[in-house]
Amino acid sequence: ISVEHGVKVSSVNLVDRTLLISSTAKSGNPSEHDPATDEECRYDLLIGANGVRSCVRQAMSSQLPRKSFESEVQTKPGR
């Protein structure tokens, strides 16, 4: 199992089982994307636990047939 820290998933291809990831920008700001650091990675098992607006969730909604997966959103009280 490989766990990556300091990278951002830019896109997910569920059919080809690939991810496009990029390292955190040199400025340290994760919202800045440096295309020079993009790397395509293959995966066997993908666990997307990075929030409601994640690339994984977006890929599942746009690339998989409806009703082929379940999704649950839980919020903390006060949000």
N, C-alpha and C. Protein backbone atom coordinates (compact mmCIF):
# COMPACT_ATOMS: atom_id res chain seq x y z
N ILE A 1 0.85 -1.17 0.00
CA ILE A 1 0.00 0.00 0.00
C ILE A 1 0.89 1.23 0.00
N SER A 2 0.55 2.15 -0.87
CA SER A 2 1.29 3.40 -0.95
C SER A 2 0.40 4.55 -0.51
N VAL A 3 0.87 5.35 0.43
CA VAL A 3 0.16 6.53 0.89
C VAL A 3 1.00 7.74 0.51
N GLU A 4 0.39 8.68 -0.19
CA GLU A 4 1.11 9.87 -0.64
C GLU A 4 0.69 11.09 0.17
N HIS A 5 1.66 11.87 0.63
CA HIS A 5 1.40 13.12 1.34
C HIS A 5 1.98 14.25 0.51
N GLY A 6 1.39 15.43 0.60
CA GLY A 6 1.92 16.59 -0.12
C GLY A 6 1.63 16.56 -1.60
N VAL A 7 0.61 15.80 -2.02
CA VAL A 7 0.22 15.77 -3.42
C VAL A 7 -1.26 16.11 -3.52
N LYS A 8 -1.67 16.57 -4.71
CA LYS A 8 -3.07 16.88 -4.96
C LYS A 8 -3.53 16.09 -6.17
N VAL A 9 -4.68 15.47 -6.07
CA VAL A 9 -5.26 14.74 -7.20
C VAL A 9 -5.92 15.76 -8.11
N SER A 10 -5.45 15.82 -9.36
CA SER A 10 -6.00 16.77 -10.33
C SER A 10 -7.15 16.16 -11.10
N SER A 11 -7.05 14.86 -11.41
CA SER A 11 -8.13 14.19 -12.14
C SER A 11 -8.08 12.69 -11.87
N VAL A 12 -9.22 12.05 -12.10
CA VAL A 12 -9.36 10.61 -11.88
C VAL A 12 -10.01 10.02 -13.12
N ASN A 13 -9.45 8.92 -13.62
CA ASN A 13 -10.06 8.18 -14.72
C ASN A 13 -10.41 6.80 -14.17
N LEU A 14 -11.71 6.59 -13.91
CA LEU A 14 -12.15 5.34 -13.30
C LEU A 14 -12.10 4.17 -14.27
N VAL A 15 -12.23 4.42 -15.56
CA VAL A 15 -12.20 3.36 -16.56
C VAL A 15 -10.78 2.81 -16.71
N ASP A 16 -9.81 3.70 -16.85
CA ASP A 16 -8.41 3.29 -17.01
C ASP A 16 -7.69 3.05 -15.68
N ARG A 17 -8.37 3.40 -14.58
CA ARG A 17 -7.81 3.26 -13.23
C ARG A 17 -6.51 4.04 -13.08
N THR A 18 -6.57 5.32 -13.45
CA THR A 18 -5.42 6.19 -13.33
C THR A 18 -5.79 7.48 -12.60
N LEU A 19 -4.79 8.07 -11.98
CA LEU A 19 -4.91 9.37 -11.31
C LEU A 19 -3.88 10.31 -11.91
N LEU A 20 -4.20 11.57 -11.99
CA LEU A 20 -3.22 12.59 -12.32
C LEU A 20 -2.97 13.35 -11.03
N ILE A 21 -1.74 13.27 -10.52
CA ILE A 21 -1.41 13.95 -9.26
C ILE A 21 -0.33 14.97 -9.50
N SER A 22 -0.29 15.96 -8.62
CA SER A 22 0.77 16.96 -8.68
C SER A 22 1.26 17.23 -7.27
N SER A 23 2.53 17.54 -7.17
CA SER A 23 3.11 17.87 -5.88
C SER A 23 2.62 19.25 -5.45
N THR A 24 2.63 19.49 -4.16
CA THR A 24 2.27 20.80 -3.65
C THR A 24 3.21 21.83 -4.26
N ALA A 25 2.67 22.97 -4.65
CA ALA A 25 3.48 24.03 -5.26
C ALA A 25 4.65 24.41 -4.35
N LYS A 26 5.73 24.89 -4.96
CA LYS A 26 6.91 25.25 -4.19
C LYS A 26 6.61 26.32 -3.14
N SER A 27 5.59 27.14 -3.40
CA SER A 27 5.22 28.18 -2.44
C SER A 27 4.60 27.57 -1.19
N GLY A 28 4.23 26.28 -1.28
CA GLY A 28 3.59 25.62 -0.15
C GLY A 28 2.08 25.79 -0.14
N ASN A 29 1.55 26.53 -1.11
CA ASN A 29 0.12 26.75 -1.21
C ASN A 29 -0.49 25.63 -2.04
N PRO A 30 -1.28 24.72 -1.43
CA PRO A 30 -1.81 23.59 -2.18
C PRO A 30 -2.81 23.98 -3.27
N SER A 31 -3.34 25.20 -3.23
CA SER A 31 -4.29 25.62 -4.27
C SER A 31 -3.59 26.06 -5.55
N GLU A 32 -2.27 26.29 -5.49
CA GLU A 32 -1.52 26.65 -6.69
C GLU A 32 -1.09 25.37 -7.39
N HIS A 33 -1.42 25.24 -8.68
CA HIS A 33 -1.12 24.03 -9.43
C HIS A 33 0.05 24.30 -10.37
N ASP A 34 1.08 23.48 -10.29
CA ASP A 34 2.24 23.57 -11.18
C ASP A 34 2.20 22.37 -12.12
N PRO A 35 1.77 22.56 -13.40
CA PRO A 35 1.65 21.43 -14.33
C PRO A 35 2.95 20.66 -14.53
N ALA A 36 4.09 21.28 -14.25
CA ALA A 36 5.37 20.60 -14.41
C ALA A 36 5.51 19.42 -13.44
N THR A 37 4.72 19.42 -12.38
CA THR A 37 4.83 18.35 -11.39
C THR A 37 3.81 17.24 -11.60
N ASP A 38 2.98 17.35 -12.65
CA ASP A 38 1.95 16.34 -12.89
C ASP A 38 2.55 14.97 -13.16
N GLU A 39 1.94 13.96 -12.58
CA GLU A 39 2.39 12.57 -12.77
C GLU A 39 1.15 11.67 -12.83
N GLU A 40 1.12 10.78 -13.81
CA GLU A 40 0.00 9.84 -13.90
C GLU A 40 0.36 8.57 -13.13
N CYS A 41 -0.56 8.12 -12.30
CA CYS A 41 -0.35 6.92 -11.49
C CYS A 41 -1.50 5.95 -11.70
N ARG A 42 -1.20 4.66 -11.70
CA ARG A 42 -2.23 3.62 -11.80
C ARG A 42 -2.58 3.18 -10.38
N TYR A 43 -3.79 2.69 -10.21
CA TYR A 43 -4.20 2.20 -8.90
C TYR A 43 -5.03 0.93 -9.03
N ASP A 44 -5.01 0.13 -7.97
CA ASP A 44 -5.86 -1.06 -7.87
C ASP A 44 -7.08 -0.76 -7.00
N LEU A 45 -6.86 -0.02 -5.93
CA LEU A 45 -7.92 0.34 -5.00
C LEU A 45 -7.79 1.83 -4.72
N LEU A 46 -8.86 2.56 -4.87
CA LEU A 46 -8.85 4.01 -4.66
C LEU A 46 -9.82 4.34 -3.55
N ILE A 47 -9.33 4.97 -2.50
CA ILE A 47 -10.17 5.40 -1.40
C ILE A 47 -10.17 6.92 -1.41
N GLY A 48 -11.31 7.50 -1.68
CA GLY A 48 -11.43 8.96 -1.72
C GLY A 48 -12.06 9.44 -0.42
N ALA A 49 -11.26 10.01 0.43
CA ALA A 49 -11.75 10.47 1.73
C ALA A 49 -11.37 11.93 1.94
N ASN A 50 -11.50 12.69 0.86
CA ASN A 50 -11.02 14.07 0.95
C ASN A 50 -12.13 15.10 0.78
N GLY A 51 -13.36 14.74 1.07
CA GLY A 51 -14.40 15.73 1.15
C GLY A 51 -15.42 15.72 0.02
N VAL A 52 -16.43 16.55 0.21
CA VAL A 52 -17.57 16.61 -0.71
C VAL A 52 -17.16 17.07 -2.10
N ARG A 53 -16.20 17.96 -2.23
CA ARG A 53 -15.81 18.51 -3.53
C ARG A 53 -14.59 17.79 -4.12
N SER A 54 -14.39 16.54 -3.76
CA SER A 54 -13.21 15.81 -4.21
C SER A 54 -13.27 15.40 -5.68
N CYS A 55 -12.11 15.24 -6.28
CA CYS A 55 -12.03 14.74 -7.66
C CYS A 55 -12.58 13.33 -7.76
N VAL A 56 -12.40 12.53 -6.73
CA VAL A 56 -12.88 11.15 -6.75
C VAL A 56 -14.41 11.15 -6.81
N ARG A 57 -15.04 11.94 -5.97
CA ARG A 57 -16.51 12.02 -5.96
C ARG A 57 -17.03 12.54 -7.29
N GLN A 58 -16.38 13.57 -7.85
CA GLN A 58 -16.79 14.13 -9.14
C GLN A 58 -16.67 13.08 -10.25
N ALA A 59 -15.58 12.32 -10.23
CA ALA A 59 -15.37 11.27 -11.25
C ALA A 59 -16.45 10.20 -11.15
N MET A 60 -16.78 9.79 -9.93
CA MET A 60 -17.81 8.78 -9.75
C MET A 60 -19.15 9.28 -10.29
N SER A 61 -19.48 10.52 -10.02
CA SER A 61 -20.76 11.09 -10.48
C SER A 61 -20.82 11.24 -11.99
N SER A 62 -19.68 11.54 -12.62
CA SER A 62 -19.69 11.81 -14.06
C SER A 62 -19.32 10.61 -14.92
N GLN A 63 -18.58 9.61 -14.37
CA GLN A 63 -18.08 8.52 -15.19
C GLN A 63 -18.80 7.19 -14.95
N LEU A 64 -19.54 7.07 -13.88
CA LEU A 64 -20.23 5.81 -13.57
C LEU A 64 -21.73 5.97 -13.77
N PRO A 65 -22.40 4.88 -14.16
CA PRO A 65 -23.85 4.94 -14.29
C PRO A 65 -24.51 5.24 -12.95
N ARG A 66 -25.61 5.95 -12.99
CA ARG A 66 -26.38 6.22 -11.77
C ARG A 66 -26.76 4.91 -11.10
N LYS A 67 -26.84 4.94 -9.81
CA LYS A 67 -27.23 3.78 -9.00
C LYS A 67 -26.16 2.69 -8.96
N SER A 68 -24.94 2.95 -9.48
CA SER A 68 -23.89 1.92 -9.44
C SER A 68 -23.00 2.08 -8.22
N PHE A 69 -23.25 3.11 -7.41
CA PHE A 69 -22.49 3.31 -6.19
C PHE A 69 -23.36 4.06 -5.20
N GLU A 70 -22.98 4.00 -3.93
CA GLU A 70 -23.67 4.74 -2.90
C GLU A 70 -22.73 5.80 -2.36
N SER A 71 -23.29 6.93 -2.01
CA SER A 71 -22.50 8.03 -1.48
C SER A 71 -23.25 8.61 -0.29
N GLU A 72 -22.52 8.93 0.74
CA GLU A 72 -23.14 9.48 1.94
C GLU A 72 -22.35 10.71 2.37
N VAL A 73 -23.06 11.76 2.69
CA VAL A 73 -22.44 12.99 3.19
C VAL A 73 -22.92 13.22 4.60
N GLN A 74 -21.97 13.40 5.50
CA GLN A 74 -22.31 13.70 6.89
C GLN A 74 -21.68 15.03 7.25
N THR A 75 -22.40 15.86 7.94
CA THR A 75 -21.85 17.15 8.38
C THR A 75 -21.83 17.21 9.89
N LYS A 76 -20.92 18.00 10.39
CA LYS A 76 -20.83 18.18 11.82
C LYS A 76 -21.88 19.21 12.24
N PRO A 77 -22.43 19.08 13.45
CA PRO A 77 -23.40 20.06 13.91
C PRO A 77 -22.82 21.48 13.85
N GLY A 78 -23.65 22.41 13.44
CA GLY A 78 -23.20 23.80 13.36
C GLY A 78 -22.64 24.19 12.02
N ARG A 79 -22.61 23.27 11.04
CA ARG A 79 -22.07 23.59 9.73
C ARG A 79 -23.17 23.72 8.73
